[in-house]
Amino acid sequence: MKRKPSPKPLLYIAQPGFQRMNAPMQKVVIKKEKDVSETPYKEKKDETEQHVEEVKDEVKDVEEVEEKYEMVVEQAEDATQTEAETEEEKAVTEQEEVTEQEEEAEQEEETWSDTDIREHRKRFTEMTVAEKIDYLTNLPSYVPKALCIIETESENIRGVIVEREDNRVKIRRSGDLRLLEFAQNQILNIQILSF
């Protein structure tokens, strides 16, 4: 199959035909040179040299004052460091005593080790209804709410347990924004479908 040659552009953009502007501009520059010896350059140079010498004298005075100031500051720092070291030593010993007391108290409170806690952690199917409700309402905010089948005395509800207030449980059905409210003792069983 032969290709058709591309047609010429249908729209032509015409370029304007402006003529170049002839502006009256200066073509030749004449500079007059001044005699360097006649300028007040030497006078200004002398004045600046005097000013530089005055500034150097002032800088020397400032440096001497700064050296004296640094010596006084070092002496004051040495004195405060010795005082601070004694205060820090006292504070450290007090903190050590407090932390030892806290550690002893925590060891007395912690009767279970990590392995005991793992052994005592129940599966969801082994939990009671109250424990299941607590588990589902106390999930961290970054964990999505679990879709569950909640068996009540009257019906089975597919939805999410939103919150619990006293003995009342609020449930949101899947696909519905309204909250249903049930007494905790009306709920017979809870099964997790998905997170």
C-alpha atoms as a PDB file:
ATOM      1  CA  MET A   1       0.000   0.000   0.000  1.00  0.00           C
ATOM      2  CA  LYS A   2       1.374   3.354  -0.971  1.00  0.00           C
ATOM      3  CA  ARG A   3       1.439   6.157   1.442  1.00  0.00           C
ATOM      4  CA  LYS A   4      -0.020   9.404   0.380  1.00  0.00           C
ATOM      5  CA  PRO A   5       2.394  12.294   0.476  1.00  0.00           C
ATOM      6  CA  SER A   6       1.650  14.628   3.347  1.00  0.00           C
ATOM      7  CA  PRO A   7      -0.240  17.676   2.194  1.00  0.00           C
ATOM      8  CA  LYS A   8       1.311  21.084   2.502  1.00  0.00           C
ATOM      9  CA  PRO A   9       0.345  23.002   5.574  1.00  0.00           C
ATOM     10  CA  LEU A  10      -3.105  24.435   5.360  1.00  0.00           C
ATOM     11  CA  LEU A  11      -2.289  27.452   7.492  1.00  0.00           C
ATOM     12  CA  TYR A  12       0.599  29.761   6.671  1.00  0.00           C
ATOM     13  CA  ILE A  13       1.865  32.176   9.253  1.00  0.00           C
ATOM     14  CA  ALA A  14       3.075  35.294   7.562  1.00  0.00           C
ATOM     15  CA  GLN A  15       6.073  37.001   9.054  1.00  0.00           C
ATOM     16  CA  PRO A  16       5.831  40.773   9.356  1.00  0.00           C
ATOM     17  CA  GLY A  17       8.011  42.759   7.009  1.00  0.00           C
ATOM     18  CA  PHE A  18       9.287  45.467   9.337  1.00  0.00           C
ATOM     19  CA  GLN A  19      12.142  47.602   8.190  1.00  0.00           C
ATOM     20  CA  ARG A  20      15.118  48.163  10.402  1.00  0.00           C
ATOM     21  CA  MET A  21      14.854  51.340  12.427  1.00  0.00           C
ATOM     22  CA  ASN A  22      17.627  53.862  12.047  1.00  0.00           C
ATOM     23  CA  ALA A  23      17.942  55.578  15.389  1.00  0.00           C
ATOM     24  CA  PRO A  24      20.211  58.573  15.749  1.00  0.00           C
ATOM     25  CA  MET A  25      23.068  57.073  17.717  1.00  0.00           C
ATOM     26  CA  GLN A  26      26.540  58.303  18.451  1.00  0.00           C
ATOM     27  CA  LYS A  27      29.163  56.464  16.460  1.00  0.00           C
ATOM     28  CA  VAL A  28      32.376  58.077  17.676  1.00  0.00           C
ATOM     29  CA  VAL A  29      33.454  58.579  21.298  1.00  0.00           C
ATOM     30  CA  ILE A  30      36.156  61.053  22.235  1.00  0.00           C
ATOM     31  CA  LYS A  31      37.726  60.737  25.675  1.00  0.00           C
ATOM     32  CA  LYS A  32      39.830  63.437  27.157  1.00  0.00           C
ATOM     33  CA  GLU A  33      42.655  62.237  29.360  1.00  0.00           C
ATOM     34  CA  LYS A  34      43.313  64.126  32.556  1.00  0.00           C
ATOM     35  CA  ASP A  35      46.772  64.688  33.867  1.00  0.00           C
ATOM     36  CA  VAL A  36      47.266  62.310  36.818  1.00  0.00           C
ATOM     37  CA  SER A  37      49.656  64.600  38.677  1.00  0.00           C
ATOM     38  CA  GLU A  38      47.039  67.356  38.885  1.00  0.00           C
ATOM     39  CA  THR A  39      44.324  65.244  40.529  1.00  0.00           C
ATOM     40  CA  PRO A  40      43.786  65.215  44.272  1.00  0.00           C
ATOM     41  CA  TYR A  41      44.613  61.500  44.288  1.00  0.00           C
ATOM     42  CA  LYS A  42      47.756  61.915  46.384  1.00  0.00           C
ATOM     43  CA  GLU A  43      45.908  63.919  49.019  1.00  0.00           C
ATOM     44  CA  LYS A  44      43.238  61.215  49.342  1.00  0.00           C
ATOM     45  CA  LYS A  45      45.904  58.533  49.567  1.00  0.00           C
ATOM     46  CA  ASP A  46      47.582  60.312  52.490  1.00  0.00           C
ATOM     47  CA  GLU A  47      44.256  60.689  54.287  1.00  0.00           C
ATOM     48  CA  THR A  48      43.441  56.986  53.896  1.00  0.00           C
ATOM     49  CA  GLU A  49      46.872  55.953  55.181  1.00  0.00           C
ATOM     50  CA  GLN A  50      46.355  58.065  58.308  1.00  0.00           C
ATOM     51  CA  HIS A  51      42.907  56.559  58.786  1.00  0.00           C
ATOM     52  CA  VAL A  52      44.321  53.018  58.430  1.00  0.00           C
ATOM     53  CA  GLU A  53      46.961  53.721  61.101  1.00  0.00           C
ATOM     54  CA  GLU A  54      44.281  55.023  63.500  1.00  0.00           C
ATOM     55  CA  VAL A  55      42.176  51.922  62.931  1.00  0.00           C
ATOM     56  CA  LYS A  56      45.192  49.652  63.578  1.00  0.00           C
ATOM     57  CA  ASP A  57      45.806  51.397  66.905  1.00  0.00           C
ATOM     58  CA  GLU A  58      42.167  50.929  67.882  1.00  0.00           C
ATOM     59  CA  VAL A  59      42.319  47.252  66.926  1.00  0.00           C
ATOM     60  CA  LYS A  60      45.375  46.728  69.146  1.00  0.00           C
ATOM     61  CA  ASP A  61      43.517  48.297  72.079  1.00  0.00           C
ATOM     62  CA  VAL A  62      40.486  46.088  71.424  1.00  0.00           C
ATOM     63  CA  GLU A  63      42.678  42.954  71.235  1.00  0.00           C
ATOM     64  CA  GLU A  64      44.228  43.754  74.609  1.00  0.00           C
ATOM     65  CA  VAL A  65      40.783  44.185  76.166  1.00  0.00           C
ATOM     66  CA  GLU A  66      39.602  40.918  74.598  1.00  0.00           C
ATOM     67  CA  GLU A  67      42.616  39.043  76.015  1.00  0.00           C
ATOM     68  CA  LYS A  68      41.867  40.350  79.510  1.00  0.00           C
ATOM     69  CA  TYR A  69      38.183  39.429  79.109  1.00  0.00           C
ATOM     70  CA  GLU A  70      39.066  35.890  77.986  1.00  0.00           C
ATOM     71  CA  MET A  71      41.327  35.412  80.998  1.00  0.00           C
ATOM     72  CA  VAL A  72      38.556  36.506  83.371  1.00  0.00           C
ATOM     73  CA  VAL A  73      36.041  34.237  81.620  1.00  0.00           C
ATOM     74  CA  GLU A  74      38.396  31.245  81.854  1.00  0.00           C
ATOM     75  CA  GLN A  75      38.887  31.812  85.565  1.00  0.00           C
ATOM     76  CA  ALA A  76      35.131  32.050  86.112  1.00  0.00           C
ATOM     77  CA  GLU A  77      34.537  28.884  84.065  1.00  0.00           C
ATOM     78  CA  ASP A  78      37.118  26.959  86.080  1.00  0.00           C
ATOM     79  CA  ALA A  79      35.408  27.997  89.309  1.00  0.00           C
ATOM     80  CA  THR A  80      31.916  27.083  88.046  1.00  0.00           C
ATOM     81  CA  GLN A  81      33.155  23.758  86.628  1.00  0.00           C
ATOM     82  CA  THR A  82      34.409  22.621  90.015  1.00  0.00           C
ATOM     83  CA  GLU A  83      31.098  23.632  91.619  1.00  0.00           C
ATOM     84  CA  ALA A  84      29.106  21.985  88.821  1.00  0.00           C
ATOM     85  CA  GLU A  85      31.154  18.772  89.077  1.00  0.00           C
ATOM     86  CA  THR A  86      30.377  18.409  92.778  1.00  0.00           C
ATOM     87  CA  GLU A  87      26.671  19.132  92.156  1.00  0.00           C
ATOM     88  CA  GLU A  88      26.608  16.649  89.252  1.00  0.00           C
ATOM     89  CA  GLU A  89      28.210  13.952  91.372  1.00  0.00           C
ATOM     90  CA  LYS A  90      25.559  14.451  94.056  1.00  0.00           C
ATOM     91  CA  ALA A  91      22.772  14.402  91.458  1.00  0.00           C
ATOM     92  CA  VAL A  92      24.155  11.244  89.828  1.00  0.00           C
ATOM     93  CA  THR A  93      24.317   9.375  93.124  1.00  0.00           C
ATOM     94  CA  GLU A  94      20.743  10.436  93.965  1.00  0.00           C
ATOM     95  CA  GLN A  95      19.540   9.332  90.525  1.00  0.00           C
ATOM     96  CA  GLU A  96      21.281   5.973  90.913  1.00  0.00           C
ATOM     97  CA  GLU A  97      19.577   5.426  94.263  1.00  0.00           C
ATOM     98  CA  VAL A  98      16.183   6.348  92.822  1.00  0.00           C
ATOM     99  CA  THR A  99      16.607   4.114  89.762  1.00  0.00           C
ATOM    100  CA  GLU A 100      17.684   1.188  91.962  1.00  0.00           C
ATOM    101  CA  GLN A 101      14.576   1.639  94.092  1.00  0.00           C
ATOM    102  CA  GLU A 102      12.371   1.840  90.975  1.00  0.00           C
ATOM    103  CA  GLU A 103      13.960  -1.279  89.479  1.00  0.00           C
ATOM    104  CA  GLU A 104      13.359  -3.204  92.688  1.00  0.00           C
ATOM    105  CA  ALA A 105       9.720  -2.054  92.731  1.00  0.00           C
ATOM    106  CA  GLU A 106       9.254  -3.045  89.075  1.00  0.00           C
ATOM    107  CA  GLN A 107      10.787  -6.454  89.676  1.00  0.00           C
ATOM    108  CA  GLU A 108       8.362  -7.030  92.521  1.00  0.00           C
ATOM    109  CA  GLU A 109       5.422  -5.943  90.330  1.00  0.00           C
ATOM    110  CA  GLU A 110       6.520  -8.021  87.360  1.00  0.00           C
ATOM    111  CA  THR A 111       5.757 -11.542  88.373  1.00  0.00           C
ATOM    112  CA  TRP A 112       5.385 -12.731  84.790  1.00  0.00           C
ATOM    113  CA  SER A 113       8.183 -12.840  82.267  1.00  0.00           C
ATOM    114  CA  ASP A 114       7.742 -12.249  78.522  1.00  0.00           C
ATOM    115  CA  THR A 115       7.450 -15.972  77.867  1.00  0.00           C
ATOM    116  CA  ASP A 116       4.713 -16.278  80.507  1.00  0.00           C
ATOM    117  CA  ILE A 117       2.769 -13.462  78.876  1.00  0.00           C
ATOM    118  CA  ARG A 118       3.029 -15.144  75.474  1.00  0.00           C
ATOM    119  CA  GLU A 119       1.848 -18.404  76.981  1.00  0.00           C
ATOM    120  CA  HIS A 120      -1.122 -16.686  78.658  1.00  0.00           C
ATOM    121  CA  ARG A 121      -2.130 -14.755  75.527  1.00  0.00           C
ATOM    122  CA  LYS A 122      -5.345 -16.310  74.280  1.00  0.00           C
ATOM    123  CA  ARG A 123      -6.438 -16.944  70.762  1.00  0.00           C
ATOM    124  CA  PHE A 124      -9.429 -14.949  69.616  1.00  0.00           C
ATOM    125  CA  THR A 125     -11.581 -18.065  69.468  1.00  0.00           C
ATOM    126  CA  GLU A 126     -10.723 -18.875  73.114  1.00  0.00           C
ATOM    127  CA  MET A 127     -11.702 -15.428  74.437  1.00  0.00           C
ATOM    128  CA  THR A 128     -14.990 -14.649  76.100  1.00  0.00           C
ATOM    129  CA  VAL A 129     -17.413 -12.223  74.464  1.00  0.00           C
ATOM    130  CA  ALA A 130     -16.355  -9.394  76.804  1.00  0.00           C
ATOM    131  CA  GLU A 131     -12.658  -9.998  76.018  1.00  0.00           C
ATOM    132  CA  LYS A 132     -13.413 -10.062  72.286  1.00  0.00           C
ATOM    133  CA  ILE A 133     -15.238  -6.731  72.524  1.00  0.00           C
ATOM    134  CA  ASP A 134     -12.345  -5.213  74.507  1.00  0.00           C
ATOM    135  CA  TYR A 135      -9.862  -6.525  71.949  1.00  0.00           C
ATOM    136  CA  LEU A 136     -11.788  -5.114  68.973  1.00  0.00           C
ATOM    137  CA  THR A 137     -12.464  -1.691  70.528  1.00  0.00           C
ATOM    138  CA  ASN A 138      -8.914  -1.171  71.840  1.00  0.00           C
ATOM    139  CA  LEU A 139      -7.017  -1.759  68.608  1.00  0.00           C
ATOM    140  CA  PRO A 140      -4.421   0.911  67.701  1.00  0.00           C
ATOM    141  CA  SER A 141      -5.620   3.686  65.384  1.00  0.00           C
ATOM    142  CA  TYR A 142      -3.405   2.529  62.503  1.00  0.00           C
ATOM    143  CA  VAL A 143      -5.010  -0.933  62.469  1.00  0.00           C
ATOM    144  CA  PRO A 144      -8.196  -1.095  60.377  1.00  0.00           C
ATOM    145  CA  LYS A 145     -11.409  -2.125  62.093  1.00  0.00           C
ATOM    146  CA  ALA A 146     -12.149  -5.835  61.770  1.00  0.00           C
ATOM    147  CA  LEU A 147     -15.228  -7.008  59.867  1.00  0.00           C
ATOM    148  CA  CYS A 148     -17.084  -9.463  62.093  1.00  0.00           C
ATOM    149  CA  ILE A 149     -20.206 -11.585  62.317  1.00  0.00           C
ATOM    150  CA  ILE A 150     -21.884 -10.708  65.590  1.00  0.00           C
ATOM    151  CA  GLU A 151     -24.408 -13.273  66.775  1.00  0.00           C
ATOM    152  CA  THR A 152     -27.118 -11.770  68.946  1.00  0.00           C
ATOM    153  CA  GLU A 153     -30.213 -13.310  70.477  1.00  0.00           C
ATOM    154  CA  SER A 154     -32.390 -12.073  67.630  1.00  0.00           C
ATOM    155  CA  GLU A 155     -30.153 -11.984  64.533  1.00  0.00           C
ATOM    156  CA  ASN A 156     -26.676 -12.328  63.027  1.00  0.00           C
ATOM    157  CA  ILE A 157     -25.117  -8.976  62.087  1.00  0.00           C
ATOM    158  CA  ARG A 158     -22.254  -8.516  59.667  1.00  0.00           C
ATOM    159  CA  GLY A 159     -20.376  -5.336  60.563  1.00  0.00           C
ATOM    160  CA  VAL A 160     -17.747  -3.573  62.646  1.00  0.00           C
ATOM    161  CA  ILE A 161     -17.734  -3.031  66.411  1.00  0.00           C
ATOM    162  CA  VAL A 162     -17.173   0.715  66.764  1.00  0.00           C
ATOM    163  CA  GLU A 163     -17.129   1.342  70.511  1.00  0.00           C
ATOM    164  CA  ARG A 164     -18.300   0.202  73.912  1.00  0.00           C
ATOM    165  CA  GLU A 165     -19.829   2.438  76.567  1.00  0.00           C
ATOM    166  CA  ASP A 166     -20.475   0.733  79.887  1.00  0.00           C
ATOM    167  CA  ASN A 167     -22.466  -2.381  78.903  1.00  0.00           C
ATOM    168  CA  ARG A 168     -23.667  -0.992  75.562  1.00  0.00           C
ATOM    169  CA  VAL A 169     -21.893  -1.966  72.304  1.00  0.00           C
ATOM    170  CA  LYS A 170     -22.210   0.137  69.134  1.00  0.00           C
ATOM    171  CA  ILE A 171     -22.043  -1.760  65.842  1.00  0.00           C
ATOM    172  CA  ARG A 172     -21.908  -0.389  62.295  1.00  0.00           C
ATOM    173  CA  ARG A 173     -23.349  -2.721  59.684  1.00  0.00           C
ATOM    174  CA  SER A 174     -21.373  -3.182  56.499  1.00  0.00           C
ATOM    175  CA  GLY A 175     -22.784  -0.861  53.823  1.00  0.00           C
ATOM    176  CA  ASP A 176     -24.735   1.203  56.364  1.00  0.00           C
ATOM    177  CA  LEU A 177     -23.654   4.334  58.227  1.00  0.00           C
ATOM    178  CA  ARG A 178     -26.155   4.011  61.079  1.00  0.00           C
ATOM    179  CA  LEU A 179     -24.964   2.636  64.401  1.00  0.00           C
ATOM    180  CA  LEU A 180     -26.865  -0.220  66.043  1.00  0.00           C
ATOM    181  CA  GLU A 181     -26.716  -0.396  69.797  1.00  0.00           C
ATOM    182  CA  PHE A 182     -26.913  -3.623  71.787  1.00  0.00           C
ATOM    183  CA  ALA A 183     -26.459  -4.594  75.407  1.00  0.00           C
ATOM    184  CA  GLN A 184     -23.310  -6.629  75.941  1.00  0.00           C
ATOM    185  CA  ASN A 185     -25.249  -9.557  77.403  1.00  0.00           C
ATOM    186  CA  GLN A 186     -27.354  -9.783  74.204  1.00  0.00           C
ATOM    187  CA  ILE A 187     -24.267 -10.713  72.149  1.00  0.00           C
ATOM    188  CA  LEU A 188     -23.716 -14.462  72.050  1.00  0.00           C
ATOM    189  CA  ASN A 189     -20.610 -14.789  69.884  1.00  0.00           C
ATOM    190  CA  ILE A 190     -18.253 -12.766  67.649  1.00  0.00           C
ATOM    191  CA  GLN A 191     -16.336 -14.165  64.702  1.00  0.00           C
ATOM    192  CA  ILE A 192     -13.744 -12.143  62.728  1.00  0.00           C
ATOM    193  CA  LEU A 193     -14.211 -12.322  58.955  1.00  0.00           C
ATOM    194  CA  SER A 194     -11.372 -10.041  57.860  1.00  0.00           C
ATOM    195  CA  PHE A 195      -9.341  -7.016  58.862  1.00  0.00           C
END
